[in-house]
Amino acid sequence: MNLLRNTLLSIIAVQVLVLAQLSFVKYYSNNNYANMLKGNLFTSTSSKSKLPLPLVIQTTLFSPKKEILGKSIQIQLKKELKTLIYPQISNRYLALLYIKRSEEQIYMVERNAKKLLGLKYVWGATGPNKFDCSGFTQSVYRRAGIKIPRNSRAQAKVGRYIRYEELKKGDMVFFDTNRKKIGRVNHVGIYLEDGKFIHASSGSKKVVITNFDKKRYYKSRFLWGRRIITKDVKNLHLSKKSV
């Protein structure tokens, strides 16, 4: 807020200086006007410091007792105020909406995934009553309004690259479960929290929740995570990392 205030003051100050110079040129033959312009434009606003910033500016420049600028200049300055202030309000509002939407999607992913617990694992199946690992993740995210590719290798290239220590609820987790570990993705699940993830397991033959700490096999086979739902408004566009 302080940064916005200081930026706004600086911009308005520059704007007023430019307009003051233009006004001085227009009325250069009127020395009294020029002196009044100089004295009033730079009047201290300390007595108004408790007012909201737009009111401080307006009461300084547009008070009936200090109506020293032409009508067109007043209108222009007021437009500048709106241009500077309204986008800030709109951007914050949109950011809140974005974060809220992200939280709802994460909740939907967890809820929809848990609804499928116990359903059979079948290689190549995409639901609704049986799944393989990537068919399971694709179905869960689709129900939350998010489209991802069909197979685990393609899914492993979508979204933001996440290390194990950075995992959060809703992230996809990828594994190499080949007999000989070669670093190639062939299994995927969805991270929940507290070291747990949910997946359609070929070993368990069904959709289960697994704890990384209790089943060290999966932790040793973990490759990376991918985040396709983010609350960070600075990363609205999903990045892709070659792996």
C-alpha atoms as a PDB file:
ATOM      1  CA  MET A   1       0.000   0.000   0.000  1.00  0.00           C
ATOM      2  CA  ASN A   2       2.873   2.370   0.805  1.00  0.00           C
ATOM      3  CA  LEU A   3       4.490   1.545  -2.533  1.00  0.00           C
ATOM      4  CA  LEU A   4       1.247   2.284  -4.373  1.00  0.00           C
ATOM      5  CA  ARG A   5       0.845   5.536  -2.429  1.00  0.00           C
ATOM      6  CA  ASN A   6       4.362   6.708  -3.190  1.00  0.00           C
ATOM      7  CA  THR A   7       4.100   5.725  -6.852  1.00  0.00           C
ATOM      8  CA  LEU A   8       0.780   7.492  -7.179  1.00  0.00           C
ATOM      9  CA  LEU A   9       2.124  10.658  -5.548  1.00  0.00           C
ATOM     10  CA  SER A  10       5.144  10.662  -7.844  1.00  0.00           C
ATOM     11  CA  ILE A  11       3.061  10.247 -10.983  1.00  0.00           C
ATOM     12  CA  ILE A  12       0.578  12.924  -9.918  1.00  0.00           C
ATOM     13  CA  ALA A  13       3.430  15.284  -9.040  1.00  0.00           C
ATOM     14  CA  VAL A  14       4.968  14.883 -12.493  1.00  0.00           C
ATOM     15  CA  GLN A  15       1.564  15.299 -14.127  1.00  0.00           C
ATOM     16  CA  VAL A  16       0.882  18.488 -12.180  1.00  0.00           C
ATOM     17  CA  LEU A  17       4.312  19.907 -13.017  1.00  0.00           C
ATOM     18  CA  VAL A  18       3.761  19.329 -16.722  1.00  0.00           C
ATOM     19  CA  LEU A  19       0.296  20.821 -16.626  1.00  0.00           C
ATOM     20  CA  ALA A  20       1.533  23.738 -14.558  1.00  0.00           C
ATOM     21  CA  GLN A  21       4.180  24.491 -17.149  1.00  0.00           C
ATOM     22  CA  LEU A  22       1.616  24.345 -19.939  1.00  0.00           C
ATOM     23  CA  SER A  23      -0.658  26.645 -18.011  1.00  0.00           C
ATOM     24  CA  PHE A  24       2.221  29.051 -17.368  1.00  0.00           C
ATOM     25  CA  VAL A  25       2.989  29.213 -21.097  1.00  0.00           C
ATOM     26  CA  LYS A  26      -0.667  29.854 -21.859  1.00  0.00           C
ATOM     27  CA  TYR A  27      -0.880  32.666 -19.325  1.00  0.00           C
ATOM     28  CA  TYR A  28       2.752  33.871 -19.464  1.00  0.00           C
ATOM     29  CA  SER A  29       1.666  37.516 -19.700  1.00  0.00           C
ATOM     30  CA  ASN A  30      -0.216  37.304 -16.402  1.00  0.00           C
ATOM     31  CA  ASN A  31       2.443  37.475 -13.684  1.00  0.00           C
ATOM     32  CA  ASN A  32      -0.116  37.425 -10.891  1.00  0.00           C
ATOM     33  CA  TYR A  33      -1.585  34.202 -12.236  1.00  0.00           C
ATOM     34  CA  ALA A  34       1.858  32.618 -12.499  1.00  0.00           C
ATOM     35  CA  ASN A  35       2.698  33.498  -8.893  1.00  0.00           C
ATOM     36  CA  MET A  36      -0.624  32.178  -7.663  1.00  0.00           C
ATOM     37  CA  LEU A  37      -0.104  28.955  -9.607  1.00  0.00           C
ATOM     38  CA  LYS A  38       3.314  28.464  -8.049  1.00  0.00           C
ATOM     39  CA  GLY A  39       2.080  29.168  -4.530  1.00  0.00           C
ATOM     40  CA  ASN A  40      -0.987  26.946  -4.630  1.00  0.00           C
ATOM     41  CA  LEU A  41       0.201  23.881  -6.497  1.00  0.00           C
ATOM     42  CA  PHE A  42       2.883  23.149  -3.947  1.00  0.00           C
ATOM     43  CA  THR A  43       0.842  23.890  -0.794  1.00  0.00           C
ATOM     44  CA  SER A  44       1.587  21.354   1.972  1.00  0.00           C
ATOM     45  CA  THR A  45      -1.077  18.701   2.476  1.00  0.00           C
ATOM     46  CA  SER A  46       0.103  17.674   5.951  1.00  0.00           C
ATOM     47  CA  SER A  47      -3.188  18.856   7.466  1.00  0.00           C
ATOM     48  CA  LYS A  48      -4.977  16.376   5.217  1.00  0.00           C
ATOM     49  CA  SER A  49      -2.644  13.431   5.771  1.00  0.00           C
ATOM     50  CA  LYS A  50      -5.338  11.421   7.517  1.00  0.00           C
ATOM     51  CA  LEU A  51      -7.616  11.538   4.488  1.00  0.00           C
ATOM     52  CA  PRO A  52      -7.615   8.760   1.853  1.00  0.00           C
ATOM     53  CA  LEU A  53      -5.072   9.511  -0.858  1.00  0.00           C
ATOM     54  CA  PRO A  54      -7.552  10.416  -3.641  1.00  0.00           C
ATOM     55  CA  LEU A  55      -9.314  12.855  -1.274  1.00  0.00           C
ATOM     56  CA  VAL A  56      -6.015  14.495  -0.309  1.00  0.00           C
ATOM     57  CA  ILE A  57      -5.251  15.128  -3.960  1.00  0.00           C
ATOM     58  CA  GLN A  58      -8.733  16.291  -4.841  1.00  0.00           C
ATOM     59  CA  THR A  59      -9.095  18.633  -1.835  1.00  0.00           C
ATOM     60  CA  THR A  60      -5.691  20.143  -2.673  1.00  0.00           C
ATOM     61  CA  LEU A  61      -6.207  20.652  -6.394  1.00  0.00           C
ATOM     62  CA  PHE A  62      -9.950  20.931  -6.799  1.00  0.00           C
ATOM     63  CA  SER A  63     -11.101  22.910  -3.732  1.00  0.00           C
ATOM     64  CA  PRO A  64     -13.411  25.832  -4.681  1.00  0.00           C
ATOM     65  CA  LYS A  65     -10.985  28.142  -2.874  1.00  0.00           C
ATOM     66  CA  LYS A  66      -8.070  26.905  -4.969  1.00  0.00           C
ATOM     67  CA  GLU A  67      -9.623  26.380  -8.359  1.00  0.00           C
ATOM     68  CA  ILE A  68      -6.502  27.485 -10.189  1.00  0.00           C
ATOM     69  CA  LEU A  69      -6.504  25.004 -13.079  1.00  0.00           C
ATOM     70  CA  GLY A  70      -8.651  25.109 -16.162  1.00  0.00           C
ATOM     71  CA  LYS A  71     -11.711  22.845 -16.328  1.00  0.00           C
ATOM     72  CA  SER A  72     -10.153  20.598 -18.951  1.00  0.00           C
ATOM     73  CA  ILE A  73      -7.033  20.107 -16.812  1.00  0.00           C
ATOM     74  CA  GLN A  74      -9.157  19.157 -13.775  1.00  0.00           C
ATOM     75  CA  ILE A  75     -11.040  16.570 -15.803  1.00  0.00           C
ATOM     76  CA  GLN A  76      -7.783  15.102 -17.125  1.00  0.00           C
ATOM     77  CA  LEU A  77      -6.271  14.767 -13.669  1.00  0.00           C
ATOM     78  CA  LYS A  78      -9.397  13.075 -12.322  1.00  0.00           C
ATOM     79  CA  LYS A  79      -9.227  10.598 -15.204  1.00  0.00           C
ATOM     80  CA  GLU A  80      -5.602   9.898 -14.324  1.00  0.00           C
ATOM     81  CA  LEU A  81      -6.610   9.154 -10.725  1.00  0.00           C
ATOM     82  CA  LYS A  82      -9.224   6.644 -11.862  1.00  0.00           C
ATOM     83  CA  THR A  83      -6.788   5.052 -14.297  1.00  0.00           C
ATOM     84  CA  LEU A  84      -4.231   4.543 -11.524  1.00  0.00           C
ATOM     85  CA  ILE A  85      -6.536   3.453  -8.711  1.00  0.00           C
ATOM     86  CA  TYR A  86      -9.251   1.337 -10.345  1.00  0.00           C
ATOM     87  CA  PRO A  87      -6.874  -1.169 -12.014  1.00  0.00           C
ATOM     88  CA  GLN A  88      -5.288  -1.840  -8.604  1.00  0.00           C
ATOM     89  CA  ILE A  89      -8.701  -2.621  -7.129  1.00  0.00           C
ATOM     90  CA  SER A  90      -9.687  -4.757 -10.132  1.00  0.00           C
ATOM     91  CA  ASN A  91      -6.409  -6.707 -10.126  1.00  0.00           C
ATOM     92  CA  ARG A  92      -6.719  -7.529  -6.417  1.00  0.00           C
ATOM     93  CA  TYR A  93     -10.314  -8.624  -6.907  1.00  0.00           C
ATOM     94  CA  LEU A  94      -9.369 -10.873  -9.821  1.00  0.00           C
ATOM     95  CA  ALA A  95      -6.476 -12.314  -7.816  1.00  0.00           C
ATOM     96  CA  LEU A  96      -8.832 -13.216  -4.962  1.00  0.00           C
ATOM     97  CA  LEU A  97     -11.212 -14.876  -7.412  1.00  0.00           C
ATOM     98  CA  TYR A  98      -8.321 -16.847  -8.925  1.00  0.00           C
ATOM     99  CA  ILE A  99      -7.089 -18.060  -5.530  1.00  0.00           C
ATOM    100  CA  LYS A 100     -10.629 -19.026  -4.510  1.00  0.00           C
ATOM    101  CA  ARG A 101     -11.087 -20.986  -7.733  1.00  0.00           C
ATOM    102  CA  SER A 102      -7.785 -22.795  -7.181  1.00  0.00           C
ATOM    103  CA  GLU A 103      -8.768 -23.796  -3.640  1.00  0.00           C
ATOM    104  CA  GLU A 104     -12.071 -25.168  -4.911  1.00  0.00           C
ATOM    105  CA  GLN A 105     -10.332 -27.221  -7.603  1.00  0.00           C
ATOM    106  CA  ILE A 106      -7.880 -28.716  -5.108  1.00  0.00           C
ATOM    107  CA  TYR A 107     -10.795 -29.649  -2.863  1.00  0.00           C
ATOM    108  CA  MET A 108     -12.636 -31.232  -5.802  1.00  0.00           C
ATOM    109  CA  VAL A 109      -9.560 -33.227  -6.827  1.00  0.00           C
ATOM    110  CA  GLU A 110      -9.171 -34.688  -3.335  1.00  0.00           C
ATOM    111  CA  ARG A 111     -12.889 -35.410  -2.940  1.00  0.00           C
ATOM    112  CA  ASN A 112     -13.275 -37.013  -6.375  1.00  0.00           C
ATOM    113  CA  ALA A 113     -10.143 -39.125  -5.944  1.00  0.00           C
ATOM    114  CA  LYS A 114     -11.293 -40.484  -2.584  1.00  0.00           C
ATOM    115  CA  LYS A 115     -14.704 -41.355  -4.023  1.00  0.00           C
ATOM    116  CA  LEU A 116     -12.920 -43.852  -6.269  1.00  0.00           C
ATOM    117  CA  LEU A 117     -11.102 -45.672  -3.458  1.00  0.00           C
ATOM    118  CA  GLY A 118     -11.367 -49.421  -3.774  1.00  0.00           C
ATOM    119  CA  LEU A 119     -12.272 -49.509  -7.473  1.00  0.00           C
ATOM    120  CA  LYS A 120     -10.394 -52.082  -9.529  1.00  0.00           C
ATOM    121  CA  TYR A 121      -7.104 -51.484 -11.294  1.00  0.00           C
ATOM    122  CA  VAL A 122      -7.209 -52.634 -14.923  1.00  0.00           C
ATOM    123  CA  TRP A 123      -4.481 -51.728 -17.378  1.00  0.00           C
ATOM    124  CA  GLY A 124      -5.808 -49.382 -20.092  1.00  0.00           C
ATOM    125  CA  ALA A 125      -9.047 -48.626 -18.223  1.00  0.00           C
ATOM    126  CA  THR A 126     -10.303 -45.044 -17.877  1.00  0.00           C
ATOM    127  CA  GLY A 127     -13.411 -45.586 -15.743  1.00  0.00           C
ATOM    128  CA  PRO A 128     -15.965 -45.165 -14.585  1.00  0.00           C
ATOM    129  CA  ASN A 129     -15.631 -48.293 -12.419  1.00  0.00           C
ATOM    130  CA  LYS A 130     -12.076 -49.393 -13.200  1.00  0.00           C
ATOM    131  CA  PHE A 131      -8.854 -47.544 -13.954  1.00  0.00           C
ATOM    132  CA  ASP A 132      -5.198 -47.773 -14.672  1.00  0.00           C
ATOM    133  CA  CYS A 133      -2.943 -45.194 -13.001  1.00  0.00           C
ATOM    134  CA  SER A 134      -3.081 -42.452 -15.644  1.00  0.00           C
ATOM    135  CA  GLY A 135      -6.727 -43.152 -16.440  1.00  0.00           C
ATOM    136  CA  PHE A 136      -7.420 -42.520 -12.764  1.00  0.00           C
ATOM    137  CA  THR A 137      -5.577 -39.182 -12.629  1.00  0.00           C
ATOM    138  CA  GLN A 138      -7.087 -38.017 -15.908  1.00  0.00           C
ATOM    139  CA  SER A 139     -10.598 -38.810 -14.698  1.00  0.00           C
ATOM    140  CA  VAL A 140     -10.108 -37.109 -11.324  1.00  0.00           C
ATOM    141  CA  TYR A 141      -8.772 -33.873 -12.823  1.00  0.00           C
ATOM    142  CA  ARG A 142     -11.391 -33.866 -15.572  1.00  0.00           C
ATOM    143  CA  ARG A 143     -14.122 -33.933 -12.943  1.00  0.00           C
ATOM    144  CA  ALA A 144     -12.501 -30.830 -11.431  1.00  0.00           C
ATOM    145  CA  GLY A 145     -12.621 -29.091 -14.809  1.00  0.00           C
ATOM    146  CA  ILE A 146      -8.977 -29.686 -15.755  1.00  0.00           C
ATOM    147  CA  LYS A 147      -7.864 -31.476 -18.926  1.00  0.00           C
ATOM    148  CA  ILE A 148      -4.621 -33.433 -18.910  1.00  0.00           C
ATOM    149  CA  PRO A 149      -3.130 -35.992 -21.360  1.00  0.00           C
ATOM    150  CA  ARG A 150      -4.061 -39.658 -21.242  1.00  0.00           C
ATOM    151  CA  ASN A 151      -0.788 -41.462 -20.410  1.00  0.00           C
ATOM    152  CA  SER A 152       1.608 -40.939 -17.499  1.00  0.00           C
ATOM    153  CA  ARG A 153       4.608 -39.905 -19.605  1.00  0.00           C
ATOM    154  CA  ALA A 154       2.620 -37.121 -21.249  1.00  0.00           C
ATOM    155  CA  GLN A 155       1.111 -36.082 -17.909  1.00  0.00           C
ATOM    156  CA  ALA A 156       4.643 -35.845 -16.496  1.00  0.00           C
ATOM    157  CA  LYS A 157       5.372 -32.925 -18.859  1.00  0.00           C
ATOM    158  CA  VAL A 158       2.352 -30.787 -17.970  1.00  0.00           C
ATOM    159  CA  GLY A 159       2.401 -28.051 -15.337  1.00  0.00           C
ATOM    160  CA  ARG A 160       5.132 -26.865 -13.004  1.00  0.00           C
ATOM    161  CA  TYR A 161       8.030 -29.152 -12.065  1.00  0.00           C
ATOM    162  CA  ILE A 162       7.930 -29.940  -8.318  1.00  0.00           C
ATOM    163  CA  ARG A 163      10.519 -31.614  -6.091  1.00  0.00           C
ATOM    164  CA  TYR A 164       9.502 -34.016  -3.345  1.00  0.00           C
ATOM    165  CA  GLU A 165      10.053 -31.420  -0.612  1.00  0.00           C
ATOM    166  CA  GLU A 166       7.711 -28.997  -2.392  1.00  0.00           C
ATOM    167  CA  LEU A 167       4.725 -31.322  -2.817  1.00  0.00           C
ATOM    168  CA  LYS A 168       1.300 -29.952  -1.924  1.00  0.00           C
ATOM    169  CA  LYS A 169      -2.211 -31.313  -2.028  1.00  0.00           C
ATOM    170  CA  GLY A 170      -3.428 -31.713  -5.598  1.00  0.00           C
ATOM    171  CA  ASP A 171       0.007 -32.214  -7.183  1.00  0.00           C
ATOM    172  CA  MET A 172       0.611 -35.188  -9.451  1.00  0.00           C
ATOM    173  CA  VAL A 173       3.433 -37.527  -8.387  1.00  0.00           C
ATOM    174  CA  PHE A 174       5.414 -39.621 -10.868  1.00  0.00           C
ATOM    175  CA  PHE A 175       7.418 -42.801 -10.434  1.00  0.00           C
ATOM    176  CA  ASP A 176       9.720 -45.208 -12.182  1.00  0.00           C
ATOM    177  CA  THR A 177       8.510 -48.657 -11.115  1.00  0.00           C
ATOM    178  CA  ASN A 178      10.405 -50.594 -13.771  1.00  0.00           C
ATOM    179  CA  ARG A 179      12.249 -53.634 -12.482  1.00  0.00           C
ATOM    180  CA  LYS A 180      15.506 -51.880 -13.237  1.00  0.00           C
ATOM    181  CA  LYS A 181      15.199 -48.188 -12.436  1.00  0.00           C
ATOM    182  CA  ILE A 182      15.982 -46.184 -15.588  1.00  0.00           C
ATOM    183  CA  GLY A 183      14.419 -42.812 -14.725  1.00  0.00           C
ATOM    184  CA  ARG A 184      11.473 -43.203 -17.066  1.00  0.00           C
ATOM    185  CA  VAL A 185       7.927 -42.450 -15.882  1.00  0.00           C
ATOM    186  CA  ASN A 186       5.526 -45.377 -15.866  1.00  0.00           C
ATOM    187  CA  HIS A 187       3.304 -44.656 -12.852  1.00  0.00           C
ATOM    188  CA  VAL A 188       1.391 -41.641 -11.532  1.00  0.00           C
ATOM    189  CA  GLY A 189      -0.709 -40.708  -8.523  1.00  0.00           C
ATOM    190  CA  ILE A 190      -2.098 -37.621  -6.773  1.00  0.00           C
ATOM    191  CA  TYR A 191      -0.513 -36.200  -3.639  1.00  0.00           C
ATOM    192  CA  LEU A 192      -2.848 -35.612  -0.686  1.00  0.00           C
ATOM    193  CA  GLU A 193      -0.964 -34.406   2.395  1.00  0.00           C
ATOM    194  CA  ASP A 194       1.191 -35.645   5.274  1.00  0.00           C
ATOM    195  CA  GLY A 195       3.286 -37.821   2.970  1.00  0.00           C
ATOM    196  CA  LYS A 196       0.291 -39.630   1.442  1.00  0.00           C
ATOM    197  CA  PHE A 197      -0.795 -40.026  -2.165  1.00  0.00           C
ATOM    198  CA  ILE A 198      -3.711 -41.767  -3.881  1.00  0.00           C
ATOM    199  CA  HIS A 199      -3.305 -43.891  -6.995  1.00  0.00           C
ATOM    200  CA  ALA A 200      -4.637 -46.806  -9.002  1.00  0.00           C
ATOM    201  CA  SER A 201      -2.109 -49.446  -7.970  1.00  0.00           C
ATOM    202  CA  SER A 202      -1.304 -52.442 -10.145  1.00  0.00           C
ATOM    203  CA  GLY A 203       0.240 -54.144  -7.097  1.00  0.00           C
ATOM    204  CA  SER A 204      -2.848 -53.677  -4.918  1.00  0.00           C
ATOM    205  CA  LYS A 205      -5.174 -54.176  -7.917  1.00  0.00           C
ATOM    206  CA  LYS A 206      -7.286 -51.204  -6.846  1.00  0.00           C
ATOM    207  CA  VAL A 207      -7.310 -47.506  -6.010  1.00  0.00           C
ATOM    208  CA  VAL A 208      -5.505 -47.014  -2.702  1.00  0.00           C
ATOM    209  CA  ILE A 209      -3.868 -44.386  -0.490  1.00  0.00           C
ATOM    210  CA  THR A 210      -0.180 -44.988   0.117  1.00  0.00           C
ATOM    211  CA  ASN A 211       2.121 -43.389   2.681  1.00  0.00           C
ATOM    212  CA  PHE A 212       5.621 -42.568   1.405  1.00  0.00           C
ATOM    213  CA  ASP A 213       7.132 -43.145   4.837  1.00  0.00           C
ATOM    214  CA  LYS A 214       5.477 -46.508   5.370  1.00  0.00           C
ATOM    215  CA  LYS A 215       6.158 -47.798   1.862  1.00  0.00           C
ATOM    216  CA  ARG A 216       9.702 -46.677   1.203  1.00  0.00           C
ATOM    217  CA  TYR A 217       9.625 -48.374  -2.187  1.00  0.00           C
ATOM    218  CA  TYR A 218       7.585 -45.531  -3.660  1.00  0.00           C
ATOM    219  CA  LYS A 219       9.813 -42.884  -2.140  1.00  0.00           C
ATOM    220  CA  SER A 220      12.877 -44.539  -3.661  1.00  0.00           C
ATOM    221  CA  ARG A 221      11.113 -44.690  -7.030  1.00  0.00           C
ATOM    222  CA  PHE A 222       9.763 -41.154  -6.938  1.00  0.00           C
ATOM    223  CA  LEU A 223      10.948 -38.991  -9.857  1.00  0.00           C
ATOM    224  CA  TRP A 224       9.178 -35.618  -9.576  1.00  0.00           C
ATOM    225  CA  GLY A 225       5.838 -33.944  -9.111  1.00  0.00           C
ATOM    226  CA  ARG A 226       3.794 -31.656 -11.328  1.00  0.00           C
ATOM    227  CA  ARG A 227       1.565 -28.805 -10.160  1.00  0.00           C
ATOM    228  CA  ILE A 228      -1.302 -27.930 -12.482  1.00  0.00           C
ATOM    229  CA  ILE A 229      -3.374 -26.090  -9.868  1.00  0.00           C
ATOM    230  CA  THR A 230      -1.628 -23.080  -8.368  1.00  0.00           C
ATOM    231  CA  LYS A 231      -2.657 -20.250  -6.027  1.00  0.00           C
ATOM    232  CA  ASP A 232       0.275 -18.150  -7.167  1.00  0.00           C
ATOM    233  CA  VAL A 233      -1.112 -15.381  -9.368  1.00  0.00           C
ATOM    234  CA  LYS A 234       2.387 -14.758 -10.682  1.00  0.00           C
ATOM    235  CA  ASN A 235       2.322 -18.159 -12.370  1.00  0.00           C
ATOM    236  CA  LEU A 236      -1.018 -18.182 -14.123  1.00  0.00           C
ATOM    237  CA  HIS A 237       0.518 -19.732 -17.219  1.00  0.00           C
ATOM    238  CA  LEU A 238       1.695 -23.282 -16.619  1.00  0.00           C
ATOM    239  CA  SER A 239       5.351 -23.803 -17.276  1.00  0.00           C
ATOM    240  CA  LYS A 240       6.801 -26.839 -19.000  1.00  0.00           C
ATOM    241  CA  LYS A 241      10.156 -28.390 -18.150  1.00  0.00           C
ATOM    242  CA  SER A 242      11.852 -30.841 -20.407  1.00  0.00           C
ATOM    243  CA  VAL A 243      12.624 -34.055 -18.563  1.00  0.00           C
END
